[in-house]
Amino acid sequence: MSWIDQRPDDAMDGAFTAVAPAPAIASVDVAAFRDAMSRLGAAVHVVTSAGPGGKTGFTATAVCSVSDQPATLLVCLNRRAKSAPLLAQNGVFCVNTLGADEEKLADLFAGRSGVHLEERFNVGEWITLKTGSPVLATAVIAFDCRTIEIKAVASHNVLFGAVEAVRLGPAGPALVYHDRLYKKV
């Protein structure tokens, strides 16, 4: 195989390695950073989990693809969140991307309604796929994942999940969070 047939990821395998662990040093003001991040639009997801730790879910925008071979996603969650220890115990999660008309569900799972953990699942239609994590039937897309690694970074856990099942939901616009407002895309 010539170099032109290789994917860039394959050709650069091992090229990007951390030089040395060092404590994080704040480089910008927290408020300025948050304002800047508010301008970065992102899809709105409800991340769910069920297992030995119990059933839980939370709203997240910090979700992204890591690799397609094997299919892997990452999700960021504040370690102080009530869902954090449950996700770690369960070892599974599902990323449910919300449709454009699901703002109330996003707020519910963001904790803006006073409804906690398992009670949140009384709203919406829920099914399961391979891992047993709750899957929102109306989600634009659902990625059912098994946790393969959890990394503590600053105030958050970064959960890496191997995608075990994908469910395409109804076609249509998705919900995005941008400039501290929900928007339809």
N, C-alpha and C. Protein backbone atom coordinates (compact mmCIF):
# COMPACT_ATOMS: atom_id res chain seq x y z
N MET A 1 0.85 -1.17 0.00
CA MET A 1 0.00 0.00 0.00
C MET A 1 0.90 1.24 0.00
N SER A 2 0.59 2.18 -0.88
CA SER A 2 1.38 3.41 -0.93
C SER A 2 0.83 4.40 0.08
N TRP A 3 1.58 5.45 0.35
CA TRP A 3 1.15 6.46 1.32
C TRP A 3 -0.15 7.12 0.90
N ILE A 4 -0.42 7.20 -0.38
CA ILE A 4 -1.63 7.87 -0.86
C ILE A 4 -2.90 7.07 -0.55
N ASP A 5 -2.75 5.75 -0.34
CA ASP A 5 -3.89 4.90 -0.02
C ASP A 5 -4.22 4.90 1.46
N GLN A 6 -3.35 5.47 2.27
CA GLN A 6 -3.57 5.46 3.71
C GLN A 6 -4.42 6.65 4.14
N ARG A 7 -5.21 6.44 5.16
CA ARG A 7 -5.95 7.55 5.75
C ARG A 7 -4.96 8.36 6.58
N PRO A 8 -5.16 9.68 6.71
CA PRO A 8 -4.22 10.49 7.51
C PRO A 8 -4.05 9.96 8.93
N ASP A 9 -5.14 9.42 9.52
CA ASP A 9 -5.04 8.89 10.88
C ASP A 9 -4.04 7.74 10.94
N ASP A 10 -4.05 6.88 9.90
CA ASP A 10 -3.16 5.73 9.88
C ASP A 10 -1.71 6.16 9.68
N ALA A 11 -1.51 7.13 8.80
CA ALA A 11 -0.15 7.58 8.50
C ALA A 11 0.49 8.29 9.69
N MET A 12 -0.33 8.91 10.51
CA MET A 12 0.19 9.68 11.63
C MET A 12 0.09 8.93 12.95
N ASP A 13 -0.16 7.64 12.90
CA ASP A 13 -0.33 6.86 14.12
C ASP A 13 0.84 7.08 15.07
N GLY A 14 0.54 7.53 16.26
CA GLY A 14 1.56 7.75 17.28
C GLY A 14 2.24 9.10 17.18
N ALA A 15 1.91 9.90 16.18
CA ALA A 15 2.60 11.18 15.99
C ALA A 15 2.18 12.23 17.01
N PHE A 16 0.98 12.09 17.55
CA PHE A 16 0.49 13.09 18.48
C PHE A 16 0.43 12.48 19.88
N THR A 17 1.45 12.73 20.66
CA THR A 17 1.53 12.18 22.00
C THR A 17 1.77 13.31 22.98
N ALA A 18 1.16 13.22 24.14
CA ALA A 18 1.38 14.25 25.16
C ALA A 18 2.85 14.24 25.56
N VAL A 19 3.44 15.41 25.66
CA VAL A 19 4.85 15.53 26.00
C VAL A 19 5.07 15.21 27.47
N ALA A 20 4.29 15.84 28.33
CA ALA A 20 4.44 15.58 29.76
C ALA A 20 3.19 16.07 30.47
N PRO A 21 2.77 15.32 31.47
CA PRO A 21 1.61 15.81 32.21
C PRO A 21 1.98 17.06 33.00
N ALA A 22 1.17 18.09 32.85
CA ALA A 22 1.41 19.33 33.59
C ALA A 22 0.07 19.85 34.08
N PRO A 23 0.08 20.51 35.20
CA PRO A 23 -1.19 21.06 35.69
C PRO A 23 -1.72 22.11 34.72
N ALA A 24 -3.03 22.13 34.57
CA ALA A 24 -3.64 23.12 33.69
C ALA A 24 -3.48 24.50 34.30
N ILE A 25 -3.12 25.44 33.46
CA ILE A 25 -2.95 26.82 33.89
C ILE A 25 -3.99 27.65 33.15
N ALA A 26 -4.80 28.38 33.89
CA ALA A 26 -5.83 29.20 33.28
C ALA A 26 -5.17 30.26 32.42
N SER A 27 -5.58 30.32 31.15
CA SER A 27 -4.96 31.27 30.24
C SER A 27 -5.87 32.45 29.92
N VAL A 28 -7.18 32.30 30.15
CA VAL A 28 -8.13 33.39 29.90
C VAL A 28 -9.12 33.46 31.05
N ASP A 29 -9.78 34.58 31.14
CA ASP A 29 -10.82 34.78 32.14
C ASP A 29 -11.96 33.81 31.90
N VAL A 30 -12.50 33.21 32.97
CA VAL A 30 -13.58 32.22 32.86
C VAL A 30 -14.79 32.81 32.17
N ALA A 31 -15.20 34.01 32.55
CA ALA A 31 -16.39 34.64 31.94
C ALA A 31 -16.16 34.88 30.45
N ALA A 32 -14.98 35.31 30.07
CA ALA A 32 -14.68 35.54 28.65
C ALA A 32 -14.72 34.23 27.88
N PHE A 33 -14.20 33.17 28.50
CA PHE A 33 -14.22 31.86 27.83
C PHE A 33 -15.65 31.38 27.64
N ARG A 34 -16.48 31.51 28.68
CA ARG A 34 -17.88 31.08 28.57
C ARG A 34 -18.62 31.89 27.52
N ASP A 35 -18.38 33.18 27.46
CA ASP A 35 -19.02 34.01 26.43
C ASP A 35 -18.59 33.56 25.03
N ALA A 36 -17.33 33.29 24.88
CA ALA A 36 -16.83 32.82 23.58
C ALA A 36 -17.45 31.48 23.20
N MET A 37 -17.53 30.56 24.17
CA MET A 37 -18.10 29.24 23.89
C MET A 37 -19.60 29.32 23.58
N SER A 38 -20.29 30.32 24.10
CA SER A 38 -21.72 30.45 23.82
C SER A 38 -21.97 30.73 22.33
N ARG A 39 -20.97 31.22 21.65
CA ARG A 39 -21.11 31.52 20.22
C ARG A 39 -20.80 30.32 19.34
N LEU A 40 -20.39 29.23 19.97
CA LEU A 40 -20.10 28.01 19.25
C LEU A 40 -21.34 27.14 19.27
N GLY A 41 -22.10 27.15 18.19
CA GLY A 41 -23.35 26.38 18.12
C GLY A 41 -23.07 24.88 18.18
N ALA A 42 -23.97 24.16 18.85
CA ALA A 42 -23.81 22.71 18.97
C ALA A 42 -25.17 22.04 19.05
N ALA A 43 -25.24 20.83 18.53
CA ALA A 43 -26.46 20.03 18.63
C ALA A 43 -26.76 19.76 20.09
N VAL A 44 -28.06 19.64 20.41
CA VAL A 44 -28.49 19.36 21.78
C VAL A 44 -28.83 17.88 21.88
N HIS A 45 -28.27 17.23 22.88
CA HIS A 45 -28.46 15.80 23.09
C HIS A 45 -28.96 15.54 24.50
N VAL A 46 -29.72 14.47 24.67
CA VAL A 46 -30.02 13.94 26.00
C VAL A 46 -29.24 12.64 26.09
N VAL A 47 -28.30 12.60 27.02
CA VAL A 47 -27.48 11.42 27.23
C VAL A 47 -28.11 10.63 28.38
N THR A 48 -28.38 9.36 28.13
CA THR A 48 -29.09 8.52 29.11
C THR A 48 -28.25 7.30 29.47
N SER A 49 -28.60 6.70 30.60
CA SER A 49 -27.92 5.48 31.03
C SER A 49 -28.84 4.72 31.98
N ALA A 50 -28.71 3.40 31.96
CA ALA A 50 -29.44 2.55 32.91
C ALA A 50 -28.58 1.33 33.20
N GLY A 51 -28.64 0.88 34.43
CA GLY A 51 -27.86 -0.29 34.83
C GLY A 51 -27.80 -0.38 36.33
N PRO A 52 -26.73 -1.00 36.86
CA PRO A 52 -26.62 -1.22 38.31
C PRO A 52 -26.67 0.07 39.13
N GLY A 53 -26.21 1.19 38.56
CA GLY A 53 -26.21 2.46 39.28
C GLY A 53 -27.56 3.14 39.28
N GLY A 54 -28.47 2.68 38.41
CA GLY A 54 -29.78 3.30 38.28
C GLY A 54 -29.95 3.95 36.93
N LYS A 55 -31.11 4.55 36.73
CA LYS A 55 -31.43 5.21 35.47
C LYS A 55 -31.18 6.71 35.63
N THR A 56 -30.54 7.31 34.63
CA THR A 56 -30.22 8.74 34.70
C THR A 56 -30.14 9.32 33.30
N GLY A 57 -30.14 10.63 33.23
CA GLY A 57 -29.99 11.31 31.96
C GLY A 57 -29.70 12.78 32.18
N PHE A 58 -29.06 13.39 31.21
CA PHE A 58 -28.71 14.80 31.29
C PHE A 58 -28.62 15.38 29.89
N THR A 59 -28.77 16.69 29.79
CA THR A 59 -28.65 17.39 28.52
C THR A 59 -27.18 17.74 28.30
N ALA A 60 -26.72 17.55 27.06
CA ALA A 60 -25.32 17.84 26.74
C ALA A 60 -25.19 18.41 25.33
N THR A 61 -24.23 19.30 25.18
CA THR A 61 -23.84 19.75 23.84
C THR A 61 -22.41 19.32 23.54
N ALA A 62 -21.67 18.92 24.58
CA ALA A 62 -20.27 18.50 24.41
C ALA A 62 -20.23 17.01 24.06
N VAL A 63 -20.55 16.72 22.81
CA VAL A 63 -20.57 15.36 22.27
C VAL A 63 -19.90 15.42 20.91
N CYS A 64 -19.04 14.46 20.60
CA CYS A 64 -18.48 14.44 19.25
C CYS A 64 -17.97 13.06 18.88
N SER A 65 -17.80 12.88 17.59
CA SER A 65 -17.25 11.66 17.05
C SER A 65 -15.75 11.62 17.32
N VAL A 66 -15.25 10.46 17.67
CA VAL A 66 -13.82 10.27 17.88
C VAL A 66 -13.23 9.51 16.70
N SER A 67 -13.92 8.45 16.29
CA SER A 67 -13.42 7.58 15.21
C SER A 67 -14.59 6.85 14.57
N ASP A 68 -14.39 6.44 13.32
CA ASP A 68 -15.42 5.61 12.67
C ASP A 68 -15.00 4.15 12.63
N GLN A 69 -13.73 3.85 12.94
CA GLN A 69 -13.25 2.46 12.94
C GLN A 69 -12.37 2.23 14.15
N PRO A 70 -12.87 1.75 15.25
CA PRO A 70 -14.27 1.41 15.49
C PRO A 70 -15.07 2.68 15.81
N ALA A 71 -16.36 2.63 15.57
CA ALA A 71 -17.23 3.77 15.84
C ALA A 71 -17.15 4.13 17.31
N THR A 72 -16.72 5.37 17.60
CA THR A 72 -16.49 5.82 18.97
C THR A 72 -16.94 7.27 19.10
N LEU A 73 -17.62 7.56 20.20
CA LEU A 73 -18.05 8.92 20.54
C LEU A 73 -17.44 9.33 21.86
N LEU A 74 -17.43 10.64 22.11
CA LEU A 74 -17.08 11.11 23.43
C LEU A 74 -18.17 12.06 23.92
N VAL A 75 -18.35 12.07 25.23
CA VAL A 75 -19.33 12.93 25.91
C VAL A 75 -18.62 13.54 27.10
N CYS A 76 -18.82 14.84 27.32
CA CYS A 76 -18.24 15.51 28.49
C CYS A 76 -19.33 15.79 29.51
N LEU A 77 -19.03 15.52 30.78
CA LEU A 77 -19.99 15.69 31.87
C LEU A 77 -19.25 16.19 33.10
N ASN A 78 -19.78 17.24 33.72
CA ASN A 78 -19.20 17.77 34.95
C ASN A 78 -19.19 16.67 36.01
N ARG A 79 -18.05 16.49 36.68
CA ARG A 79 -17.93 15.43 37.68
C ARG A 79 -18.85 15.64 38.87
N ARG A 80 -19.28 16.88 39.13
CA ARG A 80 -20.18 17.16 40.24
C ARG A 80 -21.63 16.82 39.91
N ALA A 81 -21.95 16.54 38.65
CA ALA A 81 -23.32 16.22 38.26
C ALA A 81 -23.76 14.92 38.92
N LYS A 82 -25.02 14.85 39.30
CA LYS A 82 -25.55 13.64 39.93
C LYS A 82 -25.47 12.44 39.01
N SER A 83 -25.48 12.66 37.71
CA SER A 83 -25.41 11.56 36.74
C SER A 83 -24.01 10.96 36.63
N ALA A 84 -22.97 11.70 36.99
CA ALA A 84 -21.59 11.25 36.78
C ALA A 84 -21.29 9.89 37.41
N PRO A 85 -21.55 9.67 38.70
CA PRO A 85 -21.22 8.36 39.28
C PRO A 85 -22.12 7.25 38.72
N LEU A 86 -23.35 7.58 38.35
CA LEU A 86 -24.25 6.55 37.80
C LEU A 86 -23.76 6.08 36.44
N LEU A 87 -23.32 7.01 35.60
CA LEU A 87 -22.79 6.61 34.29
C LEU A 87 -21.55 5.73 34.45
N ALA A 88 -20.70 6.08 35.39
CA ALA A 88 -19.49 5.28 35.62
C ALA A 88 -19.86 3.87 36.07
N GLN A 89 -20.84 3.74 36.97
CA GLN A 89 -21.26 2.42 37.46
C GLN A 89 -21.95 1.61 36.36
N ASN A 90 -22.77 2.25 35.56
CA ASN A 90 -23.53 1.53 34.54
C ASN A 90 -22.67 1.04 33.39
N GLY A 91 -21.66 1.80 33.03
CA GLY A 91 -20.77 1.40 31.94
C GLY A 91 -21.39 1.46 30.56
N VAL A 92 -22.56 2.08 30.43
CA VAL A 92 -23.23 2.23 29.14
C VAL A 92 -23.92 3.59 29.10
N PHE A 93 -24.13 4.10 27.88
CA PHE A 93 -24.90 5.33 27.72
C PHE A 93 -25.43 5.42 26.30
N CYS A 94 -26.44 6.27 26.13
CA CYS A 94 -27.00 6.51 24.80
C CYS A 94 -27.06 8.01 24.57
N VAL A 95 -26.56 8.44 23.42
CA VAL A 95 -26.62 9.84 23.01
C VAL A 95 -27.83 9.99 22.10
N ASN A 96 -28.83 10.73 22.57
CA ASN A 96 -30.07 10.98 21.84
C ASN A 96 -30.06 12.41 21.33
N THR A 97 -29.94 12.62 20.03
CA THR A 97 -29.93 13.96 19.45
C THR A 97 -31.37 14.44 19.31
N LEU A 98 -31.67 15.59 19.89
CA LEU A 98 -33.03 16.07 19.95
C LEU A 98 -33.49 16.75 18.66
N GLY A 99 -34.77 16.55 18.36
CA GLY A 99 -35.41 17.23 17.24
C GLY A 99 -35.66 18.69 17.60
N ALA A 100 -35.96 19.49 16.59
CA ALA A 100 -36.09 20.94 16.74
C ALA A 100 -37.18 21.37 17.70
N ASP A 101 -38.19 20.55 17.92
CA ASP A 101 -39.31 20.93 18.78
C ASP A 101 -39.21 20.34 20.19
N GLU A 102 -38.02 19.93 20.61
CA GLU A 102 -37.88 19.26 21.91
C GLU A 102 -37.14 20.11 22.95
N GLU A 103 -37.38 21.41 22.91
CA GLU A 103 -36.77 22.32 23.88
C GLU A 103 -37.16 21.97 25.32
N LYS A 104 -38.42 21.63 25.54
CA LYS A 104 -38.88 21.32 26.90
C LYS A 104 -38.18 20.09 27.44
N LEU A 105 -37.96 19.11 26.59
CA LEU A 105 -37.24 17.90 27.01
C LEU A 105 -35.78 18.25 27.34
N ALA A 106 -35.18 19.13 26.54
CA ALA A 106 -33.80 19.57 26.81
C ALA A 106 -33.72 20.25 28.17
N ASP A 107 -34.68 21.13 28.45
CA ASP A 107 -34.69 21.82 29.75
C ASP A 107 -34.95 20.85 30.90
N LEU A 108 -35.84 19.89 30.69
CA LEU A 108 -36.13 18.88 31.71
C LEU A 108 -34.87 18.13 32.12
N PHE A 109 -34.12 17.63 31.13
CA PHE A 109 -32.91 16.85 31.42
C PHE A 109 -31.73 17.73 31.81
N ALA A 110 -31.85 19.05 31.59
CA ALA A 110 -30.82 19.98 32.05
C ALA A 110 -31.03 20.35 33.51
N GLY A 111 -32.14 19.87 34.10
CA GLY A 111 -32.40 20.14 35.50
C GLY A 111 -33.10 21.47 35.74
N ARG A 112 -33.66 22.07 34.70
CA ARG A 112 -34.30 23.38 34.84
C ARG A 112 -35.76 23.28 35.28
N SER A 113 -36.24 22.08 35.57
CA SER A 113 -37.66 21.91 35.89
C SER A 113 -37.89 21.44 37.33
N GLY A 114 -36.83 21.09 38.02
CA GLY A 114 -36.98 20.56 39.38
C GLY A 114 -37.25 19.07 39.41
N VAL A 115 -37.41 18.44 38.26
CA VAL A 115 -37.64 16.99 38.18
C VAL A 115 -36.27 16.31 38.15
N HIS A 116 -36.09 15.27 38.97
CA HIS A 116 -34.77 14.67 39.11
C HIS A 116 -34.67 13.26 38.53
N LEU A 117 -33.50 12.94 38.06
CA LEU A 117 -33.06 11.63 37.58
C LEU A 117 -34.15 10.78 36.94
N GLU A 118 -34.55 9.68 37.57
CA GLU A 118 -35.48 8.73 36.94
C GLU A 118 -36.83 9.33 36.59
N GLU A 119 -37.29 10.32 37.36
CA GLU A 119 -38.59 10.94 37.08
C GLU A 119 -38.62 11.62 35.72
N ARG A 120 -37.47 12.01 35.20
CA ARG A 120 -37.40 12.69 33.90
C ARG A 120 -37.90 11.80 32.77
N PHE A 121 -37.85 10.49 32.97
CA PHE A 121 -38.24 9.56 31.92
C PHE A 121 -39.76 9.37 31.83
N ASN A 122 -40.51 10.10 32.66
CA ASN A 122 -41.97 10.07 32.55
C ASN A 122 -42.46 10.89 31.36
N VAL A 123 -41.57 11.69 30.77
CA VAL A 123 -41.89 12.50 29.60
C VAL A 123 -41.24 11.85 28.38
N GLY A 124 -41.96 11.73 27.29
CA GLY A 124 -41.43 11.14 26.07
C GLY A 124 -41.65 9.64 26.01
N GLU A 125 -41.41 9.08 24.84
CA GLU A 125 -41.52 7.64 24.62
C GLU A 125 -40.11 7.06 24.58
N TRP A 126 -39.86 6.07 25.44
CA TRP A 126 -38.52 5.51 25.59
C TRP A 126 -38.52 4.03 25.21
N ILE A 127 -37.49 3.62 24.49
CA ILE A 127 -37.27 2.23 24.13
C ILE A 127 -35.83 1.90 24.50
N THR A 128 -35.37 0.69 24.20
CA THR A 128 -33.96 0.33 24.40
C THR A 128 -33.43 -0.35 23.16
N LEU A 129 -32.12 -0.34 23.04
CA LEU A 129 -31.43 -1.05 21.96
C LEU A 129 -30.55 -2.13 22.60
N LYS A 130 -29.26 -2.17 22.27
CA LYS A 130 -28.39 -3.24 22.76
C LYS A 130 -27.96 -3.11 24.22
N THR A 131 -27.64 -1.89 24.68
CA THR A 131 -27.04 -1.76 26.01
C THR A 131 -28.06 -1.65 27.14
N GLY A 132 -29.31 -1.39 26.81
CA GLY A 132 -30.33 -1.20 27.83
C GLY A 132 -30.49 0.25 28.26
N SER A 133 -29.66 1.14 27.72
CA SER A 133 -29.83 2.57 28.02
C SER A 133 -31.10 3.07 27.35
N PRO A 134 -31.79 4.02 27.99
CA PRO A 134 -33.01 4.55 27.39
C PRO A 134 -32.73 5.28 26.08
N VAL A 135 -33.55 4.98 25.08
CA VAL A 135 -33.45 5.60 23.76
C VAL A 135 -34.75 6.36 23.52
N LEU A 136 -34.64 7.64 23.23
CA LEU A 136 -35.81 8.47 22.96
C LEU A 136 -36.33 8.14 21.56
N ALA A 137 -37.57 7.66 21.48
CA ALA A 137 -38.15 7.24 20.21
C ALA A 137 -38.19 8.36 19.19
N THR A 138 -38.31 9.61 19.65
CA THR A 138 -38.39 10.75 18.73
C THR A 138 -37.04 11.38 18.42
N ALA A 139 -35.95 10.83 18.95
CA ALA A 139 -34.63 11.41 18.70
C ALA A 139 -34.31 11.36 17.21
N VAL A 140 -33.66 12.39 16.72
CA VAL A 140 -33.23 12.44 15.32
C VAL A 140 -32.29 11.28 15.04
N ILE A 141 -31.41 11.01 15.98
CA ILE A 141 -30.47 9.90 15.91
C ILE A 141 -30.14 9.48 17.33
N ALA A 142 -29.92 8.20 17.54
CA ALA A 142 -29.52 7.70 18.86
C ALA A 142 -28.30 6.80 18.67
N PHE A 143 -27.28 7.04 19.48
CA PHE A 143 -26.06 6.24 19.48
C PHE A 143 -25.99 5.48 20.80
N ASP A 144 -26.15 4.18 20.76
CA ASP A 144 -26.14 3.33 21.95
C ASP A 144 -24.70 2.86 22.18
N CYS A 145 -24.11 3.23 23.31
CA CYS A 145 -22.67 3.05 23.52
C CYS A 145 -22.34 2.27 24.79
N ARG A 146 -21.22 1.57 24.73
CA ARG A 146 -20.62 0.92 25.89
C ARG A 146 -19.38 1.74 26.24
N THR A 147 -19.28 2.15 27.50
CA THR A 147 -18.15 2.98 27.94
C THR A 147 -16.86 2.18 27.85
N ILE A 148 -15.86 2.76 27.17
CA ILE A 148 -14.57 2.08 27.07
C ILE A 148 -13.48 2.79 27.88
N GLU A 149 -13.73 4.07 28.22
CA GLU A 149 -12.75 4.79 29.02
C GLU A 149 -13.38 6.07 29.56
N ILE A 150 -12.97 6.46 30.76
CA ILE A 150 -13.38 7.73 31.34
C ILE A 150 -12.11 8.45 31.77
N LYS A 151 -11.95 9.67 31.26
CA LYS A 151 -10.77 10.49 31.60
C LYS A 151 -11.24 11.71 32.38
N ALA A 152 -10.61 11.99 33.49
CA ALA A 152 -10.88 13.21 34.24
C ALA A 152 -10.02 14.33 33.66
N VAL A 153 -10.69 15.39 33.20
CA VAL A 153 -9.99 16.54 32.64
C VAL A 153 -10.61 17.80 33.25
N ALA A 154 -9.79 18.54 34.00
CA ALA A 154 -10.25 19.74 34.69
C ALA A 154 -11.49 19.39 35.53
N SER A 155 -12.62 20.08 35.30
CA SER A 155 -13.82 19.85 36.11
C SER A 155 -14.72 18.75 35.56
N HIS A 156 -14.36 18.17 34.44
CA HIS A 156 -15.26 17.23 33.76
C HIS A 156 -14.67 15.84 33.59
N ASN A 157 -15.57 14.88 33.39
CA ASN A 157 -15.20 13.55 32.92
C ASN A 157 -15.45 13.52 31.42
N VAL A 158 -14.53 12.94 30.69
CA VAL A 158 -14.73 12.71 29.27
C VAL A 158 -14.95 11.21 29.13
N LEU A 159 -16.17 10.85 28.72
CA LEU A 159 -16.53 9.45 28.55
C LEU A 159 -16.36 9.06 27.09
N PHE A 160 -15.62 8.02 26.84
CA PHE A 160 -15.46 7.49 25.49
C PHE A 160 -16.33 6.25 25.38
N GLY A 161 -17.13 6.20 24.34
CA GLY A 161 -18.04 5.08 24.18
C GLY A 161 -17.93 4.41 22.82
N ALA A 162 -17.85 3.07 22.83
CA ALA A 162 -17.90 2.29 21.59
C ALA A 162 -19.37 2.19 21.19
N VAL A 163 -19.69 2.60 19.98
CA VAL A 163 -21.07 2.60 19.52
C VAL A 163 -21.46 1.17 19.16
N GLU A 164 -22.46 0.63 19.87
CA GLU A 164 -22.92 -0.74 19.64
C GLU A 164 -24.17 -0.79 18.77
N ALA A 165 -24.91 0.29 18.71
CA ALA A 165 -26.12 0.34 17.88
C ALA A 165 -26.42 1.79 17.54
N VAL A 166 -27.03 1.99 16.37
CA VAL A 166 -27.46 3.30 15.91
C VAL A 166 -28.91 3.19 15.50
N ARG A 167 -29.71 4.18 15.89
CA ARG A 167 -31.12 4.20 15.48
C ARG A 167 -31.41 5.56 14.85
N LEU A 168 -31.83 5.53 13.59
CA LEU A 168 -32.25 6.75 12.91
C LEU A 168 -33.70 7.02 13.27
N GLY A 169 -33.98 8.21 13.74
CA GLY A 169 -35.34 8.59 14.11
C GLY A 169 -36.01 9.33 12.96
N PRO A 170 -37.07 10.06 13.28
CA PRO A 170 -37.79 10.79 12.25
C PRO A 170 -36.89 11.85 11.60
N ALA A 171 -37.04 11.99 10.29
CA ALA A 171 -36.26 13.01 9.56
C ALA A 171 -36.80 14.38 9.93
N GLY A 172 -35.95 15.36 9.85
CA GLY A 172 -36.38 16.72 10.14
C GLY A 172 -35.28 17.50 10.81
N PRO A 173 -35.56 18.76 11.15
CA PRO A 173 -34.54 19.62 11.76
C PRO A 173 -34.19 19.18 13.17
N ALA A 174 -32.97 19.51 13.56
CA ALA A 174 -32.47 19.18 14.90
C ALA A 174 -32.43 20.45 15.75
N LEU A 175 -32.31 20.27 17.05
CA LEU A 175 -32.22 21.37 18.01
C LEU A 175 -30.75 21.70 18.23
N VAL A 176 -30.43 22.99 18.18
CA VAL A 176 -29.07 23.47 18.38
C VAL A 176 -29.08 24.53 19.47
N TYR A 177 -27.99 24.60 20.25
CA TYR A 177 -27.85 25.63 21.27
C TYR A 177 -26.76 26.58 20.80
N HIS A 178 -27.13 27.86 20.65
CA HIS A 178 -26.19 28.86 20.14
C HIS A 178 -26.54 30.22 20.74
N ASP A 179 -25.55 30.91 21.23
CA ASP A 179 -25.74 32.24 21.82
C ASP A 179 -26.74 32.19 22.98
N ARG A 180 -26.66 31.09 23.74
CA ARG A 180 -27.50 30.85 24.92
C ARG A 180 -28.99 30.73 24.60
N LEU A 181 -29.28 30.33 23.36
CA LEU A 181 -30.66 30.14 22.91
C LEU A 181 -30.77 28.84 22.12
N TYR A 182 -31.94 28.20 22.20
CA TYR A 182 -32.22 27.04 21.35
C TYR A 182 -32.59 27.56 19.96
N LYS A 183 -32.08 26.87 18.96
CA LYS A 183 -32.39 27.22 17.56
C LYS A 183 -32.63 25.94 16.78
N LYS A 184 -33.37 26.07 15.68
CA LYS A 184 -33.69 24.92 14.84
C LYS A 184 -32.80 24.93 13.61
N VAL A 185 -32.23 23.77 13.32
CA VAL A 185 -31.36 23.65 12.13
C VAL A 185 -31.86 22.49 11.32
